[in-house]
Amino acid sequence: MLNNSTKVMFYMTLVGGILLTTSSNSWVGAWMGLEINLLSFIPIMTNNENMYNTEASMKYFLIQVLASSLLLFVIMTLTMKEKTQLISKLYNHSILMMIPLLLKSGAAPLHWWFPSVMEGLSWMNCLILMTLQKIAPMILMNNIITTNHQMMLIIMTSIIIGALGGLNQTSLRKLLAYSSINHMGWLLMTLMISNSLWLTYMATYILLVITMVAIINTTKISFINQLFNITYSPYLKFIMFSGLLSLAGLPPFTGFFPKWITIQFMISNNLIIMPTLMIVFSLITLYYYLRISYSAFLIGHMKTSWNMNLYYNKNIMMNSMLITLSTMGMMLLSVPMTFHI
């Protein structure tokens, strides 16, 4: 188990790897940042006391090494062909460069490792994997992404698999993993539209995931049937299921507004079939989130008086309130985006 000073060092180098990747103007520098980020996250993941944690860290290491090796091979090949390593000069070979980056970020159809790795990690590591570890590959994809049939197919595959994969899940980790795959499709679409829209969507998604993971980690639950045991704090329960419905994009929750802006832009550019399919499969994700929330709110609701004081924690309530207010602030910031895209 890592001590606090070692963890701080690895967290700093993890963020440093992301900053190196995002600020680099050459593919070799970006690749080095990805490797620093990977080698910093592996020790944070590893826990010798948990067999599943060790298995998950080994799976993640092998997949990321495969993606990094493929990316380096593509970089070397294109450098010899084009006589340059600049990111801005190799956009003509976007599909070749996108494959290892999609594998690193866990987008479909290169998603097979993501749910199994999530299942073996702690909630804090799941939070890092769903948020920070996607930033660097997506910023690199932003430099080379183009509007073509291959990208549209990848986006639809991510949305479909993310929607259908979460239907029969009982584990909250796998449910959030397939939700993350679904959101990857929306994030890739926002990359093709506007950098500011991608930033708004990513910030909203990160805030919602932080809210969910903070509450789930506090209540120490891992499976859907354990959600019905949250009877000691109706406010905490309300915030948790509001976060779930917001992740699904149900209006008037915060997660609906970035999707609304994306759909509005696509329709204004005469794209009808694509947003229609995206909305249909978003309704599938909304179905299983509503199924959980409806049962927990109404059918499984009970209020006992003997254990209210035992579990009541003012710090939990205050943190939930602050997260709620910050999430509502993101909603207010996303509304003006409709007029500036």
C-alpha atoms as a PDB file:
ATOM      1  CA  MET A   1       0.000   0.000   0.000  1.00  0.00           C
ATOM      2  CA  LEU A   2       1.411   3.386  -0.982  1.00  0.00           C
ATOM      3  CA  ASN A   3       1.972   5.972   1.716  1.00  0.00           C
ATOM      4  CA  ASN A   4       0.609   9.498   1.371  1.00  0.00           C
ATOM      5  CA  SER A   5       3.798  11.175   0.130  1.00  0.00           C
ATOM      6  CA  THR A   6       4.252   8.540  -2.590  1.00  0.00           C
ATOM      7  CA  LYS A   7       0.631   8.912  -3.656  1.00  0.00           C
ATOM      8  CA  VAL A   8       1.015  12.682  -3.895  1.00  0.00           C
ATOM      9  CA  MET A   9       4.072  12.223  -6.119  1.00  0.00           C
ATOM     10  CA  PHE A  10       2.256   9.808  -8.446  1.00  0.00           C
ATOM     11  CA  TYR A  11      -0.804  12.074  -8.628  1.00  0.00           C
ATOM     12  CA  MET A  12       1.443  15.004  -9.550  1.00  0.00           C
ATOM     13  CA  THR A  13       3.218  13.034 -12.292  1.00  0.00           C
ATOM     14  CA  LEU A  14      -0.155  11.733 -13.529  1.00  0.00           C
ATOM     15  CA  VAL A  15      -1.429  15.281 -13.987  1.00  0.00           C
ATOM     16  CA  GLY A  16       1.984  16.278 -15.368  1.00  0.00           C
ATOM     17  CA  GLY A  17       1.717  13.605 -18.053  1.00  0.00           C
ATOM     18  CA  ILE A  18      -1.675  14.977 -19.103  1.00  0.00           C
ATOM     19  CA  LEU A  19      -0.292  18.526 -19.254  1.00  0.00           C
ATOM     20  CA  LEU A  20       2.727  17.363 -21.282  1.00  0.00           C
ATOM     21  CA  THR A  21       0.460  15.615 -23.786  1.00  0.00           C
ATOM     22  CA  THR A  22      -1.908  18.549 -24.160  1.00  0.00           C
ATOM     23  CA  SER A  23       0.874  21.140 -24.530  1.00  0.00           C
ATOM     24  CA  SER A  24       3.099  19.182 -26.925  1.00  0.00           C
ATOM     25  CA  ASN A  25       3.247  20.132 -30.616  1.00  0.00           C
ATOM     26  CA  SER A  26       4.877  16.866 -31.733  1.00  0.00           C
ATOM     27  CA  TRP A  27       3.567  13.326 -31.602  1.00  0.00           C
ATOM     28  CA  VAL A  28       6.667  12.013 -29.812  1.00  0.00           C
ATOM     29  CA  GLY A  29       6.193  14.524 -27.001  1.00  0.00           C
ATOM     30  CA  ALA A  30       2.505  13.622 -26.782  1.00  0.00           C
ATOM     31  CA  TRP A  31       3.402   9.926 -26.650  1.00  0.00           C
ATOM     32  CA  MET A  32       5.882  10.581 -23.815  1.00  0.00           C
ATOM     33  CA  GLY A  33       3.150  12.386 -21.860  1.00  0.00           C
ATOM     34  CA  LEU A  34       0.818   9.412 -22.291  1.00  0.00           C
ATOM     35  CA  GLU A  35       3.518   7.061 -21.026  1.00  0.00           C
ATOM     36  CA  ILE A  36       4.246   9.218 -17.967  1.00  0.00           C
ATOM     37  CA  ASN A  37       0.540   9.276 -17.250  1.00  0.00           C
ATOM     38  CA  LEU A  38       0.312   5.472 -17.581  1.00  0.00           C
ATOM     39  CA  LEU A  39       3.347   4.749 -15.393  1.00  0.00           C
ATOM     40  CA  SER A  40       1.953   7.079 -12.727  1.00  0.00           C
ATOM     41  CA  PHE A  41      -1.511   5.498 -12.672  1.00  0.00           C
ATOM     42  CA  ILE A  42      -0.370   1.860 -12.428  1.00  0.00           C
ATOM     43  CA  PRO A  43       1.125   2.207  -8.881  1.00  0.00           C
ATOM     44  CA  ILE A  44      -1.978   4.116  -7.774  1.00  0.00           C
ATOM     45  CA  MET A  45      -4.173   1.248  -9.015  1.00  0.00           C
ATOM     46  CA  THR A  46      -2.138  -1.570  -7.501  1.00  0.00           C
ATOM     47  CA  ASN A  47      -3.198  -2.976  -4.136  1.00  0.00           C
ATOM     48  CA  ASN A  48      -1.577  -6.192  -2.936  1.00  0.00           C
ATOM     49  CA  GLU A  49      -4.381  -6.787  -0.423  1.00  0.00           C
ATOM     50  CA  ASN A  50      -7.014  -7.092  -3.149  1.00  0.00           C
ATOM     51  CA  MET A  51      -6.677  -9.836  -5.761  1.00  0.00           C
ATOM     52  CA  TYR A  52      -9.226  -8.232  -8.108  1.00  0.00           C
ATOM     53  CA  ASN A  53      -7.403  -4.910  -7.905  1.00  0.00           C
ATOM     54  CA  THR A  54      -4.130  -6.523  -8.957  1.00  0.00           C
ATOM     55  CA  GLU A  55      -5.869  -8.320 -11.844  1.00  0.00           C
ATOM     56  CA  ALA A  56      -7.481  -5.082 -13.019  1.00  0.00           C
ATOM     57  CA  SER A  57      -4.188  -3.174 -12.902  1.00  0.00           C
ATOM     58  CA  MET A  58      -2.502  -5.927 -14.955  1.00  0.00           C
ATOM     59  CA  LYS A  59      -5.292  -5.840 -17.575  1.00  0.00           C
ATOM     60  CA  TYR A  60      -5.085  -2.071 -17.762  1.00  0.00           C
ATOM     61  CA  PHE A  61      -1.291  -2.147 -18.110  1.00  0.00           C
ATOM     62  CA  LEU A  62      -1.366  -4.689 -20.963  1.00  0.00           C
ATOM     63  CA  ILE A  63      -4.080  -2.817 -22.891  1.00  0.00           C
ATOM     64  CA  GLN A  64      -2.364   0.547 -22.485  1.00  0.00           C
ATOM     65  CA  VAL A  65       1.018  -0.883 -23.502  1.00  0.00           C
ATOM     66  CA  LEU A  66      -0.599  -2.371 -26.611  1.00  0.00           C
ATOM     67  CA  ALA A  67      -2.154   0.997 -27.474  1.00  0.00           C
ATOM     68  CA  SER A  68       1.082   2.898 -26.793  1.00  0.00           C
ATOM     69  CA  SER A  69       3.111   0.486 -28.916  1.00  0.00           C
ATOM     70  CA  LEU A  70       0.625   0.796 -31.771  1.00  0.00           C
ATOM     71  CA  LEU A  71       0.644   4.588 -31.475  1.00  0.00           C
ATOM     72  CA  LEU A  72       4.450   4.728 -31.509  1.00  0.00           C
ATOM     73  CA  PHE A  73       4.580   2.423 -34.553  1.00  0.00           C
ATOM     74  CA  VAL A  74       2.091   4.647 -36.426  1.00  0.00           C
ATOM     75  CA  ILE A  75       4.051   7.774 -35.421  1.00  0.00           C
ATOM     76  CA  MET A  76       7.345   6.330 -36.681  1.00  0.00           C
ATOM     77  CA  THR A  77       5.766   5.126 -39.942  1.00  0.00           C
ATOM     78  CA  LEU A  78       4.094   8.450 -40.697  1.00  0.00           C
ATOM     79  CA  THR A  79       7.209  10.402 -39.683  1.00  0.00           C
ATOM     80  CA  MET A  80       9.293   8.526 -42.250  1.00  0.00           C
ATOM     81  CA  LYS A  81       6.607   9.062 -44.885  1.00  0.00           C
ATOM     82  CA  GLU A  82       5.713  12.726 -44.235  1.00  0.00           C
ATOM     83  CA  LYS A  83       9.134  13.861 -42.898  1.00  0.00           C
ATOM     84  CA  THR A  84       7.536  15.591 -39.909  1.00  0.00           C
ATOM     85  CA  GLN A  85       6.386  14.871 -36.344  1.00  0.00           C
ATOM     86  CA  LEU A  86       4.134  17.891 -35.901  1.00  0.00           C
ATOM     87  CA  ILE A  87       0.605  17.062 -34.760  1.00  0.00           C
ATOM     88  CA  SER A  88      -0.910  19.636 -37.101  1.00  0.00           C
ATOM     89  CA  LYS A  89       0.753  18.089 -40.174  1.00  0.00           C
ATOM     90  CA  LEU A  90      -0.479  14.492 -39.873  1.00  0.00           C
ATOM     91  CA  TYR A  91      -4.244  15.029 -39.871  1.00  0.00           C
ATOM     92  CA  ASN A  92      -4.530  13.366 -43.297  1.00  0.00           C
ATOM     93  CA  HIS A  93      -3.928  10.008 -41.558  1.00  0.00           C
ATOM     94  CA  SER A  94      -6.509  10.560 -38.843  1.00  0.00           C
ATOM     95  CA  ILE A  95      -7.985   7.041 -38.818  1.00  0.00           C
ATOM     96  CA  LEU A  96      -4.607   5.398 -38.209  1.00  0.00           C
ATOM     97  CA  MET A  97      -3.866   7.783 -35.358  1.00  0.00           C
ATOM     98  CA  MET A  98      -7.369   7.463 -33.881  1.00  0.00           C
ATOM     99  CA  ILE A  99      -7.302   3.678 -33.343  1.00  0.00           C
ATOM    100  CA  PRO A 100      -4.745   3.590 -30.466  1.00  0.00           C
ATOM    101  CA  LEU A 101      -6.250   6.737 -28.932  1.00  0.00           C
ATOM    102  CA  LEU A 102      -9.732   5.189 -28.987  1.00  0.00           C
ATOM    103  CA  LEU A 103      -8.289   2.053 -27.382  1.00  0.00           C
ATOM    104  CA  LYS A 104      -6.692   4.154 -24.641  1.00  0.00           C
ATOM    105  CA  SER A 105      -9.889   6.042 -23.890  1.00  0.00           C
ATOM    106  CA  GLY A 106     -12.145   2.959 -23.897  1.00  0.00           C
ATOM    107  CA  ALA A 107     -14.437   3.916 -26.784  1.00  0.00           C
ATOM    108  CA  ALA A 108     -16.352   1.228 -28.664  1.00  0.00           C
ATOM    109  CA  PRO A 109     -15.637  -1.025 -30.488  1.00  0.00           C
ATOM    110  CA  LEU A 110     -12.312  -1.039 -28.556  1.00  0.00           C
ATOM    111  CA  HIS A 111     -14.065  -1.045 -25.200  1.00  0.00           C
ATOM    112  CA  TRP A 112     -13.901  -4.695 -24.106  1.00  0.00           C
ATOM    113  CA  TRP A 113     -11.353  -4.060 -21.354  1.00  0.00           C
ATOM    114  CA  PHE A 114     -13.075  -1.086 -19.739  1.00  0.00           C
ATOM    115  CA  PRO A 115     -15.926  -2.722 -17.726  1.00  0.00           C
ATOM    116  CA  SER A 116     -13.742  -5.570 -16.423  1.00  0.00           C
ATOM    117  CA  VAL A 117     -11.007  -3.160 -15.309  1.00  0.00           C
ATOM    118  CA  MET A 118     -13.584  -0.916 -13.620  1.00  0.00           C
ATOM    119  CA  GLU A 119     -15.021  -3.882 -11.721  1.00  0.00           C
ATOM    120  CA  GLY A 120     -11.727  -4.552  -9.938  1.00  0.00           C
ATOM    121  CA  LEU A 121     -10.816  -0.984  -8.922  1.00  0.00           C
ATOM    122  CA  SER A 122     -11.623   1.137  -5.901  1.00  0.00           C
ATOM    123  CA  TRP A 123     -14.086   3.980  -6.393  1.00  0.00           C
ATOM    124  CA  MET A 124     -11.377   6.644  -6.381  1.00  0.00           C
ATOM    125  CA  ASN A 125      -9.461   4.830  -9.116  1.00  0.00           C
ATOM    126  CA  CYS A 126     -12.732   4.356 -11.050  1.00  0.00           C
ATOM    127  CA  LEU A 127     -13.226   8.117 -10.875  1.00  0.00           C
ATOM    128  CA  ILE A 128      -9.740   8.765 -12.303  1.00  0.00           C
ATOM    129  CA  LEU A 129     -10.261   6.163 -15.047  1.00  0.00           C
ATOM    130  CA  MET A 130     -13.602   7.662 -16.124  1.00  0.00           C
ATOM    131  CA  THR A 131     -12.449  11.294 -16.093  1.00  0.00           C
ATOM    132  CA  LEU A 132      -8.744  12.217 -16.046  1.00  0.00           C
ATOM    133  CA  GLN A 133      -7.564   9.273 -18.137  1.00  0.00           C
ATOM    134  CA  LYS A 134      -9.826  10.314 -21.016  1.00  0.00           C
ATOM    135  CA  ILE A 135      -8.662  13.934 -21.232  1.00  0.00           C
ATOM    136  CA  ALA A 136      -5.236  13.465 -22.868  1.00  0.00           C
ATOM    137  CA  PRO A 137      -6.346  10.997 -25.620  1.00  0.00           C
ATOM    138  CA  MET A 138      -9.386  13.139 -26.447  1.00  0.00           C
ATOM    139  CA  ILE A 139      -7.339  16.339 -26.743  1.00  0.00           C
ATOM    140  CA  LEU A 140      -5.028  14.506 -29.149  1.00  0.00           C
ATOM    141  CA  MET A 141      -8.061  13.277 -31.088  1.00  0.00           C
ATOM    142  CA  ASN A 142      -9.279  16.862 -31.276  1.00  0.00           C
ATOM    143  CA  ASN A 143      -6.254  17.732 -33.447  1.00  0.00           C
ATOM    144  CA  ILE A 144      -6.880  15.001 -36.021  1.00  0.00           C
ATOM    145  CA  ILE A 145     -10.600  14.213 -35.926  1.00  0.00           C
ATOM    146  CA  THR A 146     -12.471  14.648 -39.201  1.00  0.00           C
ATOM    147  CA  THR A 147     -16.102  14.257 -40.213  1.00  0.00           C
ATOM    148  CA  ASN A 148     -16.316  11.007 -42.176  1.00  0.00           C
ATOM    149  CA  HIS A 149     -18.274   7.767 -42.256  1.00  0.00           C
ATOM    150  CA  GLN A 150     -15.723   5.906 -40.131  1.00  0.00           C
ATOM    151  CA  MET A 151     -16.007   8.425 -37.282  1.00  0.00           C
ATOM    152  CA  MET A 152     -19.799   8.402 -37.455  1.00  0.00           C
ATOM    153  CA  LEU A 153     -19.722   4.593 -37.224  1.00  0.00           C
ATOM    154  CA  ILE A 154     -17.429   4.722 -34.174  1.00  0.00           C
ATOM    155  CA  ILE A 155     -19.687   7.287 -32.481  1.00  0.00           C
ATOM    156  CA  MET A 156     -22.825   5.226 -33.101  1.00  0.00           C
ATOM    157  CA  THR A 157     -21.095   2.035 -31.941  1.00  0.00           C
ATOM    158  CA  SER A 158     -20.103   3.694 -28.657  1.00  0.00           C
ATOM    159  CA  ILE A 159     -23.623   5.002 -28.073  1.00  0.00           C
ATOM    160  CA  ILE A 160     -25.289   1.671 -28.927  1.00  0.00           C
ATOM    161  CA  ILE A 161     -22.945  -0.521 -26.866  1.00  0.00           C
ATOM    162  CA  GLY A 162     -23.044   1.911 -23.948  1.00  0.00           C
ATOM    163  CA  ALA A 163     -26.842   1.840 -23.999  1.00  0.00           C
ATOM    164  CA  LEU A 164     -27.389  -1.902 -24.480  1.00  0.00           C
ATOM    165  CA  GLY A 165     -24.495  -3.014 -22.277  1.00  0.00           C
ATOM    166  CA  GLY A 166     -25.955  -1.488 -19.133  1.00  0.00           C
ATOM    167  CA  LEU A 167     -29.390  -3.126 -19.410  1.00  0.00           C
ATOM    168  CA  ASN A 168     -28.734  -6.299 -17.407  1.00  0.00           C
ATOM    169  CA  GLN A 169     -26.003  -5.029 -15.078  1.00  0.00           C
ATOM    170  CA  THR A 170     -26.283  -5.332 -11.311  1.00  0.00           C
ATOM    171  CA  SER A 171     -22.879  -3.842 -10.469  1.00  0.00           C
ATOM    172  CA  LEU A 172     -22.720  -0.075 -10.143  1.00  0.00           C
ATOM    173  CA  ARG A 173     -19.137  -0.046 -11.420  1.00  0.00           C
ATOM    174  CA  LYS A 174     -20.108  -1.795 -14.656  1.00  0.00           C
ATOM    175  CA  LEU A 175     -23.191   0.390 -14.966  1.00  0.00           C
ATOM    176  CA  LEU A 176     -21.060   3.545 -14.774  1.00  0.00           C
ATOM    177  CA  ALA A 177     -18.522   1.945 -17.137  1.00  0.00           C
ATOM    178  CA  TYR A 178     -21.127   1.411 -19.866  1.00  0.00           C
ATOM    179  CA  SER A 179     -22.493   4.884 -19.151  1.00  0.00           C
ATOM    180  CA  SER A 180     -18.974   6.220 -19.733  1.00  0.00           C
ATOM    181  CA  ILE A 181     -18.779   4.346 -23.067  1.00  0.00           C
ATOM    182  CA  ASN A 182     -22.110   5.900 -24.080  1.00  0.00           C
ATOM    183  CA  HIS A 183     -20.882   9.373 -23.126  1.00  0.00           C
ATOM    184  CA  MET A 184     -17.698   8.783 -25.157  1.00  0.00           C
ATOM    185  CA  GLY A 185     -19.852   8.703 -28.272  1.00  0.00           C
ATOM    186  CA  TRP A 186     -21.407  12.061 -27.348  1.00  0.00           C
ATOM    187  CA  LEU A 187     -17.981  13.507 -26.478  1.00  0.00           C
ATOM    188  CA  LEU A 188     -16.563  12.446 -29.845  1.00  0.00           C
ATOM    189  CA  MET A 189     -19.510  14.127 -31.546  1.00  0.00           C
ATOM    190  CA  THR A 190     -18.900  17.354 -29.595  1.00  0.00           C
ATOM    191  CA  LEU A 191     -15.229  17.202 -30.654  1.00  0.00           C
ATOM    192  CA  MET A 192     -16.371  17.288 -34.275  1.00  0.00           C
ATOM    193  CA  ILE A 193     -18.619  20.285 -33.562  1.00  0.00           C
ATOM    194  CA  SER A 194     -16.762  22.709 -31.293  1.00  0.00           C
ATOM    195  CA  ASN A 195     -13.977  22.806 -28.711  1.00  0.00           C
ATOM    196  CA  SER A 196     -16.066  24.932 -26.366  1.00  0.00           C
ATOM    197  CA  LEU A 197     -18.968  22.484 -26.577  1.00  0.00           C
ATOM    198  CA  TRP A 198     -16.622  19.581 -25.816  1.00  0.00           C
ATOM    199  CA  LEU A 199     -15.237  21.480 -22.818  1.00  0.00           C
ATOM    200  CA  THR A 200     -18.758  22.178 -21.515  1.00  0.00           C
ATOM    201  CA  TYR A 201     -19.856  18.559 -21.971  1.00  0.00           C
ATOM    202  CA  MET A 202     -16.656  17.191 -20.397  1.00  0.00           C
ATOM    203  CA  ALA A 203     -16.869  19.542 -17.396  1.00  0.00           C
ATOM    204  CA  THR A 204     -20.524  18.642 -16.832  1.00  0.00           C
ATOM    205  CA  TYR A 205     -19.785  14.913 -17.124  1.00  0.00           C
ATOM    206  CA  ILE A 206     -16.843  15.148 -14.695  1.00  0.00           C
ATOM    207  CA  LEU A 207     -18.962  17.011 -12.122  1.00  0.00           C
ATOM    208  CA  LEU A 208     -21.731  14.431 -12.359  1.00  0.00           C
ATOM    209  CA  VAL A 209     -19.323  11.495 -12.034  1.00  0.00           C
ATOM    210  CA  ILE A 210     -17.613  13.140  -9.041  1.00  0.00           C
ATOM    211  CA  THR A 211     -21.024  13.564  -7.400  1.00  0.00           C
ATOM    212  CA  MET A 212     -21.982   9.929  -7.975  1.00  0.00           C
ATOM    213  CA  VAL A 213     -18.650   8.466  -6.878  1.00  0.00           C
ATOM    214  CA  ALA A 214     -18.499  10.675  -3.766  1.00  0.00           C
ATOM    215  CA  ILE A 215     -21.932   9.506  -2.599  1.00  0.00           C
ATOM    216  CA  ILE A 216     -21.396   5.843  -3.537  1.00  0.00           C
ATOM    217  CA  ASN A 217     -17.990   5.781  -1.850  1.00  0.00           C
ATOM    218  CA  THR A 218     -19.459   7.385   1.283  1.00  0.00           C
ATOM    219  CA  THR A 219     -22.288   4.882   1.545  1.00  0.00           C
ATOM    220  CA  LYS A 220     -19.977   1.909   0.741  1.00  0.00           C
ATOM    221  CA  ILE A 221     -22.266   0.302  -1.825  1.00  0.00           C
ATOM    222  CA  SER A 222     -21.293  -1.595  -4.955  1.00  0.00           C
ATOM    223  CA  PHE A 223     -24.473  -3.186  -6.309  1.00  0.00           C
ATOM    224  CA  ILE A 224     -27.899  -1.946  -7.322  1.00  0.00           C
ATOM    225  CA  ASN A 225     -29.805  -3.889  -4.646  1.00  0.00           C
ATOM    226  CA  GLN A 226     -27.793  -2.081  -1.966  1.00  0.00           C
ATOM    227  CA  LEU A 227     -29.262   1.256  -3.075  1.00  0.00           C
ATOM    228  CA  PHE A 228     -32.469   0.436  -1.235  1.00  0.00           C
ATOM    229  CA  ASN A 229     -30.569   0.456   2.067  1.00  0.00           C
ATOM    230  CA  ILE A 230     -30.011   4.224   1.903  1.00  0.00           C
ATOM    231  CA  THR A 231     -32.829   5.086   4.288  1.00  0.00           C
ATOM    232  CA  TYR A 232     -30.962   7.251   6.800  1.00  0.00           C
ATOM    233  CA  SER A 233     -30.762  10.355   4.585  1.00  0.00           C
ATOM    234  CA  PRO A 234     -33.538  11.218   2.113  1.00  0.00           C
ATOM    235  CA  TYR A 235     -31.532  14.217   0.876  1.00  0.00           C
ATOM    236  CA  LEU A 236     -28.502  12.046   0.076  1.00  0.00           C
ATOM    237  CA  LYS A 237     -30.754   9.586  -1.714  1.00  0.00           C
ATOM    238  CA  PHE A 238     -32.338  12.391  -3.723  1.00  0.00           C
ATOM    239  CA  ILE A 239     -28.942  13.794  -4.784  1.00  0.00           C
ATOM    240  CA  MET A 240     -27.711  10.336  -5.787  1.00  0.00           C
ATOM    241  CA  PHE A 241     -30.661   9.461  -8.025  1.00  0.00           C
ATOM    242  CA  SER A 242     -30.780  12.985  -9.428  1.00  0.00           C
ATOM    243  CA  GLY A 243     -27.162  12.419 -10.474  1.00  0.00           C
ATOM    244  CA  LEU A 244     -28.119   9.118 -12.106  1.00  0.00           C
ATOM    245  CA  LEU A 245     -30.941  10.728 -14.061  1.00  0.00           C
ATOM    246  CA  SER A 246     -28.677  13.619 -15.006  1.00  0.00           C
ATOM    247  CA  LEU A 247     -26.113  11.160 -16.388  1.00  0.00           C
ATOM    248  CA  ALA A 248     -28.913   9.694 -18.500  1.00  0.00           C
ATOM    249  CA  GLY A 249     -29.738  13.161 -19.871  1.00  0.00           C
ATOM    250  CA  LEU A 250     -33.251  13.544 -18.472  1.00  0.00           C
ATOM    251  CA  PRO A 251     -34.560  17.119 -18.635  1.00  0.00           C
ATOM    252  CA  PRO A 252     -34.447  19.397 -16.661  1.00  0.00           C
ATOM    253  CA  PHE A 253     -31.325  17.929 -15.055  1.00  0.00           C
ATOM    254  CA  THR A 254     -27.847  19.241 -15.846  1.00  0.00           C
ATOM    255  CA  GLY A 255     -26.759  16.391 -18.127  1.00  0.00           C
ATOM    256  CA  PHE A 256     -29.557  17.194 -20.557  1.00  0.00           C
ATOM    257  CA  PHE A 257     -28.247  20.620 -21.603  1.00  0.00           C
ATOM    258  CA  PRO A 258     -24.969  19.587 -23.363  1.00  0.00           C
ATOM    259  CA  LYS A 259     -26.903  16.878 -25.227  1.00  0.00           C
ATOM    260  CA  TRP A 260     -29.567  19.394 -26.171  1.00  0.00           C
ATOM    261  CA  ILE A 261     -26.970  21.803 -27.581  1.00  0.00           C
ATOM    262  CA  THR A 262     -25.312  18.965 -29.542  1.00  0.00           C
ATOM    263  CA  ILE A 263     -28.623  17.822 -31.034  1.00  0.00           C
ATOM    264  CA  GLN A 264     -29.610  21.400 -31.873  1.00  0.00           C
ATOM    265  CA  PHE A 265     -26.365  21.962 -33.762  1.00  0.00           C
ATOM    266  CA  MET A 266     -26.666  18.694 -35.696  1.00  0.00           C
ATOM    267  CA  ILE A 267     -30.263  19.402 -36.746  1.00  0.00           C
ATOM    268  CA  SER A 268     -29.366  22.956 -37.800  1.00  0.00           C
ATOM    269  CA  ASN A 269     -26.730  21.415 -40.116  1.00  0.00           C
ATOM    270  CA  ASN A 270     -29.287  19.094 -41.747  1.00  0.00           C
ATOM    271  CA  LEU A 271     -28.124  15.970 -39.911  1.00  0.00           C
ATOM    272  CA  ILE A 272     -31.366  14.148 -39.116  1.00  0.00           C
ATOM    273  CA  ILE A 273     -30.653  10.403 -38.961  1.00  0.00           C
ATOM    274  CA  MET A 274     -27.660  10.630 -36.625  1.00  0.00           C
ATOM    275  CA  PRO A 275     -29.284  12.698 -33.835  1.00  0.00           C
ATOM    276  CA  THR A 276     -32.435  10.559 -34.112  1.00  0.00           C
ATOM    277  CA  LEU A 277     -30.446   7.392 -33.435  1.00  0.00           C
ATOM    278  CA  MET A 278     -28.527   9.101 -30.624  1.00  0.00           C
ATOM    279  CA  ILE A 279     -31.771  10.155 -28.950  1.00  0.00           C
ATOM    280  CA  VAL A 280     -33.310   6.669 -29.289  1.00  0.00           C
ATOM    281  CA  PHE A 281     -30.368   4.937 -27.612  1.00  0.00           C
ATOM    282  CA  SER A 282     -30.179   7.647 -24.962  1.00  0.00           C
ATOM    283  CA  LEU A 283     -33.753   6.693 -24.113  1.00  0.00           C
ATOM    284  CA  ILE A 284     -32.536   3.141 -23.492  1.00  0.00           C
ATOM    285  CA  THR A 285     -29.993   4.402 -20.961  1.00  0.00           C
ATOM    286  CA  LEU A 286     -32.717   6.542 -19.439  1.00  0.00           C
ATOM    287  CA  TYR A 287     -34.912   3.434 -19.167  1.00  0.00           C
ATOM    288  CA  TYR A 288     -32.619   1.460 -16.892  1.00  0.00           C
ATOM    289  CA  TYR A 289     -31.717   4.519 -14.825  1.00  0.00           C
ATOM    290  CA  LEU A 290     -35.422   5.289 -14.368  1.00  0.00           C
ATOM    291  CA  ARG A 291     -36.072   1.659 -13.497  1.00  0.00           C
ATOM    292  CA  ILE A 292     -33.556   1.882 -10.655  1.00  0.00           C
ATOM    293  CA  SER A 293     -34.639   5.336  -9.506  1.00  0.00           C
ATOM    294  CA  TYR A 294     -38.373   4.596  -9.603  1.00  0.00           C
ATOM    295  CA  SER A 295     -37.950   1.465  -7.503  1.00  0.00           C
ATOM    296  CA  ALA A 296     -35.657   3.137  -4.983  1.00  0.00           C
ATOM    297  CA  PHE A 297     -37.754   6.314  -4.693  1.00  0.00           C
ATOM    298  CA  LEU A 298     -41.253   4.827  -4.534  1.00  0.00           C
ATOM    299  CA  ILE A 299     -41.421   1.050  -4.169  1.00  0.00           C
ATOM    300  CA  GLY A 300     -38.368   0.674  -1.931  1.00  0.00           C
ATOM    301  CA  HIS A 301     -38.859   3.861   0.062  1.00  0.00           C
ATOM    302  CA  MET A 302     -39.018   3.624   3.810  1.00  0.00           C
ATOM    303  CA  LYS A 303     -38.211   6.035   6.587  1.00  0.00           C
ATOM    304  CA  THR A 304     -37.146   4.716   9.955  1.00  0.00           C
ATOM    305  CA  SER A 305     -36.679   6.821  13.069  1.00  0.00           C
ATOM    306  CA  TRP A 306     -34.331   4.592  15.054  1.00  0.00           C
ATOM    307  CA  ASN A 307     -31.293   4.867  12.753  1.00  0.00           C
ATOM    308  CA  MET A 308     -31.545   8.484  11.542  1.00  0.00           C
ATOM    309  CA  ASN A 309     -29.234   9.922  14.183  1.00  0.00           C
ATOM    310  CA  LEU A 310     -26.803   7.018  13.945  1.00  0.00           C
ATOM    311  CA  TYR A 311     -25.758   7.708  10.368  1.00  0.00           C
ATOM    312  CA  TYR A 312     -26.514  11.404   9.986  1.00  0.00           C
ATOM    313  CA  ASN A 313     -23.386  13.280   8.992  1.00  0.00           C
ATOM    314  CA  LYS A 314     -23.331  17.035   8.472  1.00  0.00           C
ATOM    315  CA  ASN A 315     -20.182  16.842   6.362  1.00  0.00           C
ATOM    316  CA  ILE A 316     -21.860  14.512   3.886  1.00  0.00           C
ATOM    317  CA  MET A 317     -24.843  16.851   3.631  1.00  0.00           C
ATOM    318  CA  MET A 318     -22.655  19.917   3.168  1.00  0.00           C
ATOM    319  CA  ASN A 319     -20.540  18.256   0.463  1.00  0.00           C
ATOM    320  CA  SER A 320     -23.653  17.087  -1.364  1.00  0.00           C
ATOM    321  CA  MET A 321     -25.126  20.588  -1.218  1.00  0.00           C
ATOM    322  CA  LEU A 322     -21.929  22.155  -2.580  1.00  0.00           C
ATOM    323  CA  ILE A 323     -21.766  19.615  -5.402  1.00  0.00           C
ATOM    324  CA  THR A 324     -25.419  20.289  -6.227  1.00  0.00           C
ATOM    325  CA  LEU A 325     -24.870  24.040  -6.374  1.00  0.00           C
ATOM    326  CA  SER A 326     -21.755  23.663  -8.552  1.00  0.00           C
ATOM    327  CA  THR A 327     -23.660  21.341 -10.887  1.00  0.00           C
ATOM    328  CA  MET A 328     -26.470  23.860 -11.202  1.00  0.00           C
ATOM    329  CA  GLY A 329     -23.831  26.488 -11.980  1.00  0.00           C
ATOM    330  CA  MET A 330     -22.591  24.327 -14.854  1.00  0.00           C
ATOM    331  CA  MET A 331     -26.168  24.157 -16.154  1.00  0.00           C
ATOM    332  CA  LEU A 332     -26.387  27.954 -16.175  1.00  0.00           C
ATOM    333  CA  LEU A 333     -23.041  28.173 -17.985  1.00  0.00           C
ATOM    334  CA  SER A 334     -24.103  25.682 -20.651  1.00  0.00           C
ATOM    335  CA  VAL A 335     -27.294  27.525 -21.642  1.00  0.00           C
ATOM    336  CA  PRO A 336     -25.504  30.471 -23.367  1.00  0.00           C
ATOM    337  CA  MET A 337     -23.604  27.915 -25.474  1.00  0.00           C
ATOM    338  CA  THR A 338     -26.735  27.565 -27.625  1.00  0.00           C
ATOM    339  CA  PHE A 339     -26.161  31.060 -28.955  1.00  0.00           C
ATOM    340  CA  HIS A 340     -22.400  30.925 -29.567  1.00  0.00           C
ATOM    341  CA  ILE A 341     -21.743  27.636 -31.416  1.00  0.00           C
END
